[in-house]
Amino acid sequence: MARNEVIKVGSAEFDEKEEAVLAALYEVSDGSYSTYSLATRLNPGAEDEEAEKAFEDVRATTEGLIAKGIIRGERLTGANGVYFERFKLTPKGERKGN
């Protein structure tokens, strides 16, 4: 799949990063993912600057999905700034996945 390719799911459009986040959340519906754990799951083996970039990418991607009303999570502040815990699909997000 080409970088930044848009994937149509129902009537919504998701880019490759959004699709990866959503796929991970569809697999684990118990709210166990945070920004940190998603960054690790989607970028295994990333270290130092690469891990920091992965975290920033996942944070931006999840913030976009939250703004679209597809996912929700508890907003917290830590050493790397704002991050989220306990991601879950919203009812709208669950409908988009079907």
PDB file of N, CA and C in Angstrom:
ATOM      1  N   MET A   1       0.847  -1.168   0.000  1.00  0.00           N
ATOM      2  CA  MET A   1       0.000   0.000   0.000  1.00  0.00           C
ATOM      3  C   MET A   1       0.894   1.234   0.000  1.00  0.00           C
ATOM      4  N   ALA A   2       0.580   2.184  -0.840  1.00  0.00           N
ATOM      5  CA  ALA A   2       1.382   3.399  -0.942  1.00  0.00           C
ATOM      6  C   ALA A   2       1.220   4.249   0.307  1.00  0.00           C
ATOM      7  N   ARG A   3       2.268   4.955   0.679  1.00  0.00           N
ATOM      8  CA  ARG A   3       2.220   5.833   1.847  1.00  0.00           C
ATOM      9  C   ARG A   3       1.144   6.889   1.637  1.00  0.00           C
ATOM     10  N   ASN A   4       0.376   7.167   2.681  1.00  0.00           N
ATOM     11  CA  ASN A   4      -0.689   8.170   2.662  1.00  0.00           C
ATOM     12  C   ASN A   4      -1.840   7.813   1.729  1.00  0.00           C
ATOM     13  N   GLU A   5      -1.908   6.566   1.276  1.00  0.00           N
ATOM     14  CA  GLU A   5      -3.037   6.136   0.460  1.00  0.00           C
ATOM     15  C   GLU A   5      -4.290   6.198   1.322  1.00  0.00           C
ATOM     16  N   VAL A   6      -5.378   6.634   0.737  1.00  0.00           N
ATOM     17  CA  VAL A   6      -6.633   6.750   1.476  1.00  0.00           C
ATOM     18  C   VAL A   6      -7.426   5.468   1.292  1.00  0.00           C
ATOM     19  N   ILE A   7      -7.945   4.949   2.382  1.00  0.00           N
ATOM     20  CA  ILE A   7      -8.750   3.726   2.370  1.00  0.00           C
ATOM     21  C   ILE A   7     -10.177   4.118   2.675  1.00  0.00           C
ATOM     22  N   LYS A   8     -11.116   3.676   1.859  1.00  0.00           N
ATOM     23  CA  LYS A   8     -12.519   3.960   2.122  1.00  0.00           C
ATOM     24  C   LYS A   8     -13.106   2.840   2.956  1.00  0.00           C
ATOM     25  N   VAL A   9     -13.732   3.206   4.043  1.00  0.00           N
ATOM     26  CA  VAL A   9     -14.437   2.258   4.902  1.00  0.00           C
ATOM     27  C   VAL A   9     -15.822   2.846   5.087  1.00  0.00           C
ATOM     28  N   GLY A  10     -16.824   2.229   4.501  1.00  0.00           N
ATOM     29  CA  GLY A  10     -18.163   2.808   4.534  1.00  0.00           C
ATOM     30  C   GLY A  10     -18.134   4.153   3.831  1.00  0.00           C
ATOM     31  N   SER A  11     -18.629   5.173   4.509  1.00  0.00           N
ATOM     32  CA  SER A  11     -18.632   6.499   3.910  1.00  0.00           C
ATOM     33  C   SER A  11     -17.480   7.357   4.418  1.00  0.00           C
ATOM     34  N   ALA A  12     -16.671   6.801   5.312  1.00  0.00           N
ATOM     35  CA  ALA A  12     -15.553   7.557   5.877  1.00  0.00           C
ATOM     36  C   ALA A  12     -14.266   7.206   5.141  1.00  0.00           C
ATOM     37  N   GLU A  13     -13.310   8.081   5.205  1.00  0.00           N
ATOM     38  CA  GLU A  13     -12.010   7.819   4.615  1.00  0.00           C
ATOM     39  C   GLU A  13     -10.961   7.822   5.713  1.00  0.00           C
ATOM     40  N   PHE A  14     -10.084   6.809   5.684  1.00  0.00           N
ATOM     41  CA  PHE A  14      -9.009   6.702   6.651  1.00  0.00           C
ATOM     42  C   PHE A  14      -7.705   6.518   5.905  1.00  0.00           C
ATOM     43  N   ASP A  15      -6.633   7.204   6.372  1.00  0.00           N
ATOM     44  CA  ASP A  15      -5.337   6.992   5.747  1.00  0.00           C
ATOM     45  C   ASP A  15      -4.696   5.739   6.348  1.00  0.00           C
ATOM     46  N   GLU A  16      -3.508   5.415   5.882  1.00  0.00           N
ATOM     47  CA  GLU A  16      -2.838   4.181   6.297  1.00  0.00           C
ATOM     48  C   GLU A  16      -2.580   4.134   7.801  1.00  0.00           C
ATOM     49  N   LYS A  17      -2.184   5.256   8.385  1.00  0.00           N
ATOM     50  CA  LYS A  17      -1.914   5.301   9.831  1.00  0.00           C
ATOM     51  C   LYS A  17      -3.198   5.125  10.630  1.00  0.00           C
ATOM     52  N   GLU A  18      -4.273   5.786  10.198  1.00  0.00           N
ATOM     53  CA  GLU A  18      -5.562   5.637  10.890  1.00  0.00           C
ATOM     54  C   GLU A  18      -6.048   4.199  10.793  1.00  0.00           C
ATOM     55  N   GLU A  19      -5.889   3.600   9.620  1.00  0.00           N
ATOM     56  CA  GLU A  19      -6.315   2.215   9.418  1.00  0.00           C
ATOM     57  C   GLU A  19      -5.548   1.276  10.350  1.00  0.00           C
ATOM     58  N   ALA A  20      -4.246   1.512  10.528  1.00  0.00           N
ATOM     59  CA  ALA A  20      -3.439   0.661  11.421  1.00  0.00           C
ATOM     60  C   ALA A  20      -3.902   0.788  12.870  1.00  0.00           C
ATOM     61  N   VAL A  21      -4.182   2.009  13.312  1.00  0.00           N
ATOM     62  CA  VAL A  21      -4.677   2.229  14.673  1.00  0.00           C
ATOM     63  C   VAL A  21      -6.024   1.536  14.854  1.00  0.00           C
ATOM     64  N   LEU A  22      -6.917   1.728  13.893  1.00  0.00           N
ATOM     65  CA  LEU A  22      -8.243   1.120  14.003  1.00  0.00           C
ATOM     66  C   LEU A  22      -8.169  -0.395  13.999  1.00  0.00           C
ATOM     67  N   ALA A  23      -7.303  -0.971  13.178  1.00  0.00           N
ATOM     68  CA  ALA A  23      -7.151  -2.431  13.148  1.00  0.00           C
ATOM     69  C   ALA A  23      -6.699  -2.953  14.503  1.00  0.00           C
ATOM     70  N   ALA A  24      -5.750  -2.251  15.137  1.00  0.00           N
ATOM     71  CA  ALA A  24      -5.290  -2.670  16.469  1.00  0.00           C
ATOM     72  C   ALA A  24      -6.419  -2.580  17.487  1.00  0.00           C
ATOM     73  N   LEU A  25      -7.213  -1.512  17.421  1.00  0.00           N
ATOM     74  CA  LEU A  25      -8.314  -1.349  18.375  1.00  0.00           C
ATOM     75  C   LEU A  25      -9.428  -2.356  18.134  1.00  0.00           C
ATOM     76  N   TYR A  26      -9.676  -2.734  16.880  1.00  0.00           N
ATOM     77  CA  TYR A  26     -10.695  -3.750  16.592  1.00  0.00           C
ATOM     78  C   TYR A  26     -10.291  -5.090  17.192  1.00  0.00           C
ATOM     79  N   GLU A  27      -8.981  -5.371  17.208  1.00  0.00           N
ATOM     80  CA  GLU A  27      -8.487  -6.647  17.722  1.00  0.00           C
ATOM     81  C   GLU A  27      -8.600  -6.745  19.243  1.00  0.00           C
ATOM     82  N   VAL A  28      -8.449  -5.613  19.942  1.00  0.00           N
ATOM     83  CA  VAL A  28      -8.455  -5.599  21.411  1.00  0.00           C
ATOM     84  C   VAL A  28      -9.471  -4.564  21.865  1.00  0.00           C
ATOM     85  N   SER A  29     -10.630  -5.019  22.245  1.00  0.00           N
ATOM     86  CA  SER A  29     -11.721  -4.094  22.554  1.00  0.00           C
ATOM     87  C   SER A  29     -11.820  -3.725  24.035  1.00  0.00           C
ATOM     88  N   ASP A  30     -10.854  -4.191  24.840  1.00  0.00           N
ATOM     89  CA  ASP A  30     -10.962  -3.972  26.284  1.00  0.00           C
ATOM     90  C   ASP A  30     -10.389  -2.645  26.770  1.00  0.00           C
ATOM     91  N   GLY A  31      -9.973  -1.781  25.865  1.00  0.00           N
ATOM     92  CA  GLY A  31      -9.458  -0.480  26.265  1.00  0.00           C
ATOM     93  C   GLY A  31      -8.062  -0.516  26.847  1.00  0.00           C
ATOM     94  N   SER A  32      -7.297  -1.546  26.519  1.00  0.00           N
ATOM     95  CA  SER A  32      -5.968  -1.678  27.103  1.00  0.00           C
ATOM     96  C   SER A  32      -4.898  -0.854  26.396  1.00  0.00           C
ATOM     97  N   TYR A  33      -5.198  -0.312  25.234  1.00  0.00           N
ATOM     98  CA  TYR A  33      -4.193   0.473  24.509  1.00  0.00           C
ATOM     99  C   TYR A  33      -4.125   1.912  24.994  1.00  0.00           C
ATOM    100  N   SER A  34      -2.891   2.421  25.021  1.00  0.00           N
ATOM    101  CA  SER A  34      -2.620   3.836  25.272  1.00  0.00           C
ATOM    102  C   SER A  34      -1.842   4.349  24.063  1.00  0.00           C
ATOM    103  N   THR A  35      -1.561   5.636  24.032  1.00  0.00           N
ATOM    104  CA  THR A  35      -0.733   6.178  22.958  1.00  0.00           C
ATOM    105  C   THR A  35       0.617   5.462  22.937  1.00  0.00           C
ATOM    106  N   TYR A  36       1.186   5.233  24.110  1.00  0.00           N
ATOM    107  CA  TYR A  36       2.488   4.575  24.200  1.00  0.00           C
ATOM    108  C   TYR A  36       2.431   3.131  23.696  1.00  0.00           C
ATOM    109  N   SER A  37       1.455   2.364  24.163  1.00  0.00           N
ATOM    110  CA  SER A  37       1.402   0.954  23.765  1.00  0.00           C
ATOM    111  C   SER A  37       1.050   0.792  22.288  1.00  0.00           C
ATOM    112  N   LEU A  38       0.220   1.682  21.748  1.00  0.00           N
ATOM    113  CA  LEU A  38      -0.059   1.634  20.312  1.00  0.00           C
ATOM    114  C   LEU A  38       1.186   1.961  19.500  1.00  0.00           C
ATOM    115  N   ALA A  39       1.967   2.941  19.944  1.00  0.00           N
ATOM    116  CA  ALA A  39       3.203   3.288  19.239  1.00  0.00           C
ATOM    117  C   ALA A  39       4.154   2.094  19.211  1.00  0.00           C
ATOM    118  N   THR A  40       4.244   1.387  20.332  1.00  0.00           N
ATOM    119  CA  THR A  40       5.097   0.195  20.401  1.00  0.00           C
ATOM    120  C   THR A  40       4.542  -0.922  19.525  1.00  0.00           C
ATOM    121  N   ARG A  41       3.245  -1.140  19.573  1.00  0.00           N
ATOM    122  CA  ARG A  41       2.604  -2.207  18.783  1.00  0.00           C
ATOM    123  C   ARG A  41       2.761  -1.968  17.291  1.00  0.00           C
ATOM    124  N   LEU A  42       2.627  -0.717  16.864  1.00  0.00           N
ATOM    125  CA  LEU A  42       2.664  -0.397  15.428  1.00  0.00           C
ATOM    126  C   LEU A  42       4.077  -0.156  14.908  1.00  0.00           C
ATOM    127  N   ASN A  43       5.036   0.001  15.811  1.00  0.00           N
ATOM    128  CA  ASN A  43       6.431   0.264  15.427  1.00  0.00           C
ATOM    129  C   ASN A  43       7.374  -0.580  16.275  1.00  0.00           C
ATOM    130  N   PRO A  44       7.271  -1.907  16.160  1.00  0.00           N
ATOM    131  CA  PRO A  44       8.101  -2.769  17.002  1.00  0.00           C
ATOM    132  C   PRO A  44       9.591  -2.533  16.734  1.00  0.00           C
ATOM    133  N   GLY A  45      10.355  -2.514  17.790  1.00  0.00           N
ATOM    134  CA  GLY A  45      11.799  -2.345  17.654  1.00  0.00           C
ATOM    135  C   GLY A  45      12.265  -0.909  17.510  1.00  0.00           C
ATOM    136  N   ALA A  46      11.348   0.044  17.471  1.00  0.00           N
ATOM    137  CA  ALA A  46      11.745   1.456  17.356  1.00  0.00           C
ATOM    138  C   ALA A  46      12.453   1.893  18.627  1.00  0.00           C
ATOM    139  N   GLU A  47      13.543   2.624  18.471  1.00  0.00           N
ATOM    140  CA  GLU A  47      14.310   3.110  19.612  1.00  0.00           C
ATOM    141  C   GLU A  47      14.674   4.574  19.430  1.00  0.00           C
ATOM    142  N   ASP A  48      14.909   5.247  20.529  1.00  0.00           N
ATOM    143  CA  ASP A  48      15.395   6.629  20.577  1.00  0.00           C
ATOM    144  C   ASP A  48      14.553   7.566  19.711  1.00  0.00           C
ATOM    145  N   GLU A  49      15.173   8.251  18.737  1.00  0.00           N
ATOM    146  CA  GLU A  49      14.448   9.236  17.926  1.00  0.00           C
ATOM    147  C   GLU A  49      13.314   8.588  17.122  1.00  0.00           C
ATOM    148  N   GLU A  50      13.552   7.369  16.670  1.00  0.00           N
ATOM    149  CA  GLU A  50      12.522   6.644  15.906  1.00  0.00           C
ATOM    150  C   GLU A  50      11.306   6.360  16.789  1.00  0.00           C
ATOM    151  N   ALA A  51      11.535   5.982  18.042  1.00  0.00           N
ATOM    152  CA  ALA A  51      10.443   5.719  18.978  1.00  0.00           C
ATOM    153  C   ALA A  51       9.697   7.010  19.312  1.00  0.00           C
ATOM    154  N   GLU A  52      10.438   8.107  19.465  1.00  0.00           N
ATOM    155  CA  GLU A  52       9.804   9.402  19.732  1.00  0.00           C
ATOM    156  C   GLU A  52       8.926   9.828  18.556  1.00  0.00           C
ATOM    157  N   LYS A  53       9.418   9.635  17.343  1.00  0.00           N
ATOM    158  CA  LYS A  53       8.648   9.969  16.136  1.00  0.00           C
ATOM    159  C   LYS A  53       7.408   9.075  16.043  1.00  0.00           C
ATOM    160  N   ALA A  54       7.553   7.791  16.364  1.00  0.00           N
ATOM    161  CA  ALA A  54       6.417   6.865  16.343  1.00  0.00           C
ATOM    162  C   ALA A  54       5.347   7.320  17.332  1.00  0.00           C
ATOM    163  N   PHE A  55       5.757   7.716  18.537  1.00  0.00           N
ATOM    164  CA  PHE A  55       4.821   8.205  19.539  1.00  0.00           C
ATOM    165  C   PHE A  55       4.081   9.438  19.016  1.00  0.00           C
ATOM    166  N   GLU A  56       4.830  10.398  18.453  1.00  0.00           N
ATOM    167  CA  GLU A  56       4.212  11.625  17.939  1.00  0.00           C
ATOM    168  C   GLU A  56       3.235  11.331  16.804  1.00  0.00           C
ATOM    169  N   ASP A  57       3.595  10.389  15.929  1.00  0.00           N
ATOM    170  CA  ASP A  57       2.704  10.014  14.824  1.00  0.00           C
ATOM    171  C   ASP A  57       1.418   9.377  15.341  1.00  0.00           C
ATOM    172  N   VAL A  58       1.564   8.457  16.307  1.00  0.00           N
ATOM    173  CA  VAL A  58       0.383   7.794  16.864  1.00  0.00           C
ATOM    174  C   VAL A  58      -0.476   8.801  17.618  1.00  0.00           C
ATOM    175  N   ARG A  59       0.156   9.704  18.349  1.00  0.00           N
ATOM    176  CA  ARG A  59      -0.615  10.726  19.069  1.00  0.00           C
ATOM    177  C   ARG A  59      -1.412  11.584  18.083  1.00  0.00           C
ATOM    178  N   ALA A  60      -0.789  12.038  17.012  1.00  0.00           N
ATOM    179  CA  ALA A  60      -1.485  12.861  16.014  1.00  0.00           C
ATOM    180  C   ALA A  60      -2.607  12.075  15.340  1.00  0.00           C
ATOM    181  N   THR A  61      -2.341  10.822  15.027  1.00  0.00           N
ATOM    182  CA  THR A  61      -3.343   9.978  14.371  1.00  0.00           C
ATOM    183  C   THR A  61      -4.538   9.745  15.285  1.00  0.00           C
ATOM    184  N   THR A  62      -4.283   9.408  16.544  1.00  0.00           N
ATOM    185  CA  THR A  62      -5.395   9.144  17.468  1.00  0.00           C
ATOM    186  C   THR A  62      -6.169  10.422  17.776  1.00  0.00           C
ATOM    187  N   GLU A  63      -5.475  11.553  17.871  1.00  0.00           N
ATOM    188  CA  GLU A  63      -6.188  12.815  18.091  1.00  0.00           C
ATOM    189  C   GLU A  63      -7.127  13.106  16.924  1.00  0.00           C
ATOM    190  N   GLY A  64      -6.690  12.792  15.711  1.00  0.00           N
ATOM    191  CA  GLY A  64      -7.554  12.969  14.538  1.00  0.00           C
ATOM    192  C   GLY A  64      -8.767  12.058  14.579  1.00  0.00           C
ATOM    193  N   LEU A  65      -8.563  10.804  14.993  1.00  0.00           N
ATOM    194  CA  LEU A  65      -9.683   9.867  15.093  1.00  0.00           C
ATOM    195  C   LEU A  65     -10.641  10.270  16.215  1.00  0.00           C
ATOM    196  N   ILE A  66     -10.107  10.839  17.290  1.00  0.00           N
ATOM    197  CA  ILE A  66     -10.970  11.339  18.370  1.00  0.00           C
ATOM    198  C   ILE A  66     -11.804  12.503  17.839  1.00  0.00           C
ATOM    199  N   ALA A  67     -11.173  13.415  17.113  1.00  0.00           N
ATOM    200  CA  ALA A  67     -11.888  14.568  16.551  1.00  0.00           C
ATOM    201  C   ALA A  67     -12.988  14.137  15.586  1.00  0.00           C
ATOM    202  N   LYS A  68     -12.776  13.026  14.885  1.00  0.00           N
ATOM    203  CA  LYS A  68     -13.783  12.501  13.950  1.00  0.00           C
ATOM    204  C   LYS A  68     -14.888  11.730  14.677  1.00  0.00           C
ATOM    205  N   GLY A  69     -14.700  11.501  15.984  1.00  0.00           N
ATOM    206  CA  GLY A  69     -15.705  10.779  16.758  1.00  0.00           C
ATOM    207  C   GLY A  69     -15.643   9.272  16.578  1.00  0.00           C
ATOM    208  N   ILE A  70     -14.491   8.740  16.125  1.00  0.00           N
ATOM    209  CA  ILE A  70     -14.351   7.310  15.851  1.00  0.00           C
ATOM    210  C   ILE A  70     -13.843   6.546  17.075  1.00  0.00           C
ATOM    211  N   ILE A  71     -12.954   7.177  17.853  1.00  0.00           N
ATOM    212  CA  ILE A  71     -12.432   6.556  19.070  1.00  0.00           C
ATOM    213  C   ILE A  71     -12.512   7.563  20.215  1.00  0.00           C
ATOM    214  N   ARG A  72     -12.329   7.041  21.429  1.00  0.00           N
ATOM    215  CA  ARG A  72     -12.269   7.909  22.603  1.00  0.00           C
ATOM    216  C   ARG A  72     -11.193   7.350  23.527  1.00  0.00           C
ATOM    217  N   GLY A  73     -10.709   8.201  24.425  1.00  0.00           N
ATOM    218  CA  GLY A  73      -9.709   7.773  25.392  1.00  0.00           C
ATOM    219  C   GLY A  73      -9.574   8.818  26.474  1.00  0.00           C
ATOM    220  N   GLU A  74      -8.946   8.428  27.563  1.00  0.00           N
ATOM    221  CA  GLU A  74      -8.724   9.347  28.682  1.00  0.00           C
ATOM    222  C   GLU A  74      -7.493  10.186  28.382  1.00  0.00           C
ATOM    223  N   ARG A  75      -7.648  11.502  28.378  1.00  0.00           N
ATOM    224  CA  ARG A  75      -6.562  12.435  28.057  1.00  0.00           C
ATOM    225  C   ARG A  75      -5.745  12.716  29.307  1.00  0.00           C
ATOM    226  N   LEU A  76      -4.421  12.521  29.198  1.00  0.00           N
ATOM    227  CA  LEU A  76      -3.502  12.744  30.306  1.00  0.00           C
ATOM    228  C   LEU A  76      -2.296  13.542  29.822  1.00  0.00           C
ATOM    229  N   THR A  77      -1.500  14.028  30.765  1.00  0.00           N
ATOM    230  CA  THR A  77      -0.270  14.734  30.423  1.00  0.00           C
ATOM    231  C   THR A  77       0.893  14.044  31.118  1.00  0.00           C
ATOM    232  N   GLY A  78       1.975  13.822  30.363  1.00  0.00           N
ATOM    233  CA  GLY A  78       3.154  13.169  30.916  1.00  0.00           C
ATOM    234  C   GLY A  78       4.417  13.815  30.394  1.00  0.00           C
ATOM    235  N   ALA A  79       5.515  13.101  30.498  1.00  0.00           N
ATOM    236  CA  ALA A  79       6.827  13.612  30.088  1.00  0.00           C
ATOM    237  C   ALA A  79       6.872  14.007  28.615  1.00  0.00           C
ATOM    238  N   ASN A  80       6.117  13.321  27.779  1.00  0.00           N
ATOM    239  CA  ASN A  80       6.090  13.615  26.345  1.00  0.00           C
ATOM    240  C   ASN A  80       4.916  14.497  25.953  1.00  0.00           C
ATOM    241  N   GLY A  81       4.292  15.135  26.921  1.00  0.00           N
ATOM    242  CA  GLY A  81       3.146  15.990  26.635  1.00  0.00           C
ATOM    243  C   GLY A  81       1.846  15.212  26.762  1.00  0.00           C
ATOM    244  N   VAL A  82       0.863  15.615  25.991  1.00  0.00           N
ATOM    245  CA  VAL A  82      -0.456  14.982  26.043  1.00  0.00           C
ATOM    246  C   VAL A  82      -0.384  13.579  25.456  1.00  0.00           C
ATOM    247  N   TYR A  83      -1.063  12.651  26.109  1.00  0.00           N
ATOM    248  CA  TYR A  83      -1.231  11.293  25.591  1.00  0.00           C
ATOM    249  C   TYR A  83      -2.574  10.773  26.079  1.00  0.00           C
ATOM    250  N   PHE A  84      -2.983   9.633  25.566  1.00  0.00           N
ATOM    251  CA  PHE A  84      -4.280   9.057  25.911  1.00  0.00           C
ATOM    252  C   PHE A  84      -4.113   7.636  26.408  1.00  0.00           C
ATOM    253  N   GLU A  85      -5.020   7.232  27.274  1.00  0.00           N
ATOM    254  CA  GLU A  85      -5.085   5.854  27.769  1.00  0.00           C
ATOM    255  C   GLU A  85      -6.490   5.320  27.568  1.00  0.00           C
ATOM    256  N   ARG A  86      -6.593   3.994  27.603  1.00  0.00           N
ATOM    257  CA  ARG A  86      -7.882   3.297  27.516  1.00  0.00           C
ATOM    258  C   ARG A  86      -8.672   3.659  26.261  1.00  0.00           C
ATOM    259  N   PHE A  87      -7.998   3.548  25.113  1.00  0.00           N
ATOM    260  CA  PHE A  87      -8.705   3.797  23.842  1.00  0.00           C
ATOM    261  C   PHE A  87      -9.819   2.788  23.639  1.00  0.00           C
ATOM    262  N   LYS A  88     -10.930   3.295  23.167  1.00  0.00           N
ATOM    263  CA  LYS A  88     -12.063   2.440  22.791  1.00  0.00           C
ATOM    264  C   LYS A  88     -12.721   3.040  21.565  1.00  0.00           C
ATOM    265  N   LEU A  89     -13.335   2.171  20.791  1.00  0.00           N
ATOM    266  CA  LEU A  89     -14.133   2.648  19.669  1.00  0.00           C
ATOM    267  C   LEU A  89     -15.414   3.265  20.204  1.00  0.00           C
ATOM    268  N   THR A  90     -15.850   4.327  19.584  1.00  0.00           N
ATOM    269  CA  THR A  90     -17.145   4.904  19.921  1.00  0.00           C
ATOM    270  C   THR A  90     -18.213   4.094  19.181  1.00  0.00           C
ATOM    271  N   PRO A  91     -19.491   4.294  19.504  1.00  0.00           N
ATOM    272  CA  PRO A  91     -20.529   3.621  18.713  1.00  0.00           C
ATOM    273  C   PRO A  91     -20.388   3.942  17.213  1.00  0.00           C
ATOM    274  N   LYS A  92     -20.031   5.185  16.895  1.00  0.00           N
ATOM    275  CA  LYS A  92     -19.812   5.562  15.489  1.00  0.00           C
ATOM    276  C   LYS A  92     -18.650   4.754  14.903  1.00  0.00           C
ATOM    277  N   GLY A  93     -17.575   4.602  15.670  1.00  0.00           N
ATOM    278  CA  GLY A  93     -16.425   3.821  15.217  1.00  0.00           C
ATOM    279  C   GLY A  93     -16.756   2.359  15.018  1.00  0.00           C
ATOM    280  N   GLU A  94     -17.586   1.818  15.901  1.00  0.00           N
ATOM    281  CA  GLU A  94     -18.004   0.417  15.763  1.00  0.00           C
ATOM    282  C   GLU A  94     -18.837   0.228  14.498  1.00  0.00           C
ATOM    283  N   ARG A  95     -19.702   1.193  14.193  1.00  0.00           N
ATOM    284  CA  ARG A  95     -20.517   1.116  12.961  1.00  0.00           C
ATOM    285  C   ARG A  95     -19.637   1.181  11.723  1.00  0.00           C
ATOM    286  N   LYS A  96     -18.603   1.999  11.752  1.00  0.00           N
ATOM    287  CA  LYS A  96     -17.714   2.136  10.598  1.00  0.00           C
ATOM    288  C   LYS A  96     -16.951   0.845  10.343  1.00  0.00           C
ATOM    289  N   GLY A  97     -16.713   0.069  11.377  1.00  0.00           N
ATOM    290  CA  GLY A  97     -15.961  -1.176  11.241  1.00  0.00           C
ATOM    291  C   GLY A  97     -16.768  -2.313  10.678  1.00  0.00           C
ATOM    292  N   ASN A  98     -18.061  -2.181  10.645  1.00  0.00           N
ATOM    293  CA  ASN A  98     -18.923  -3.272  10.140  1.00  0.00           C
ATOM    294  C   ASN A  98     -19.139  -3.186   8.666  1.00  0.00           C
TER     295      ASN A  98
END
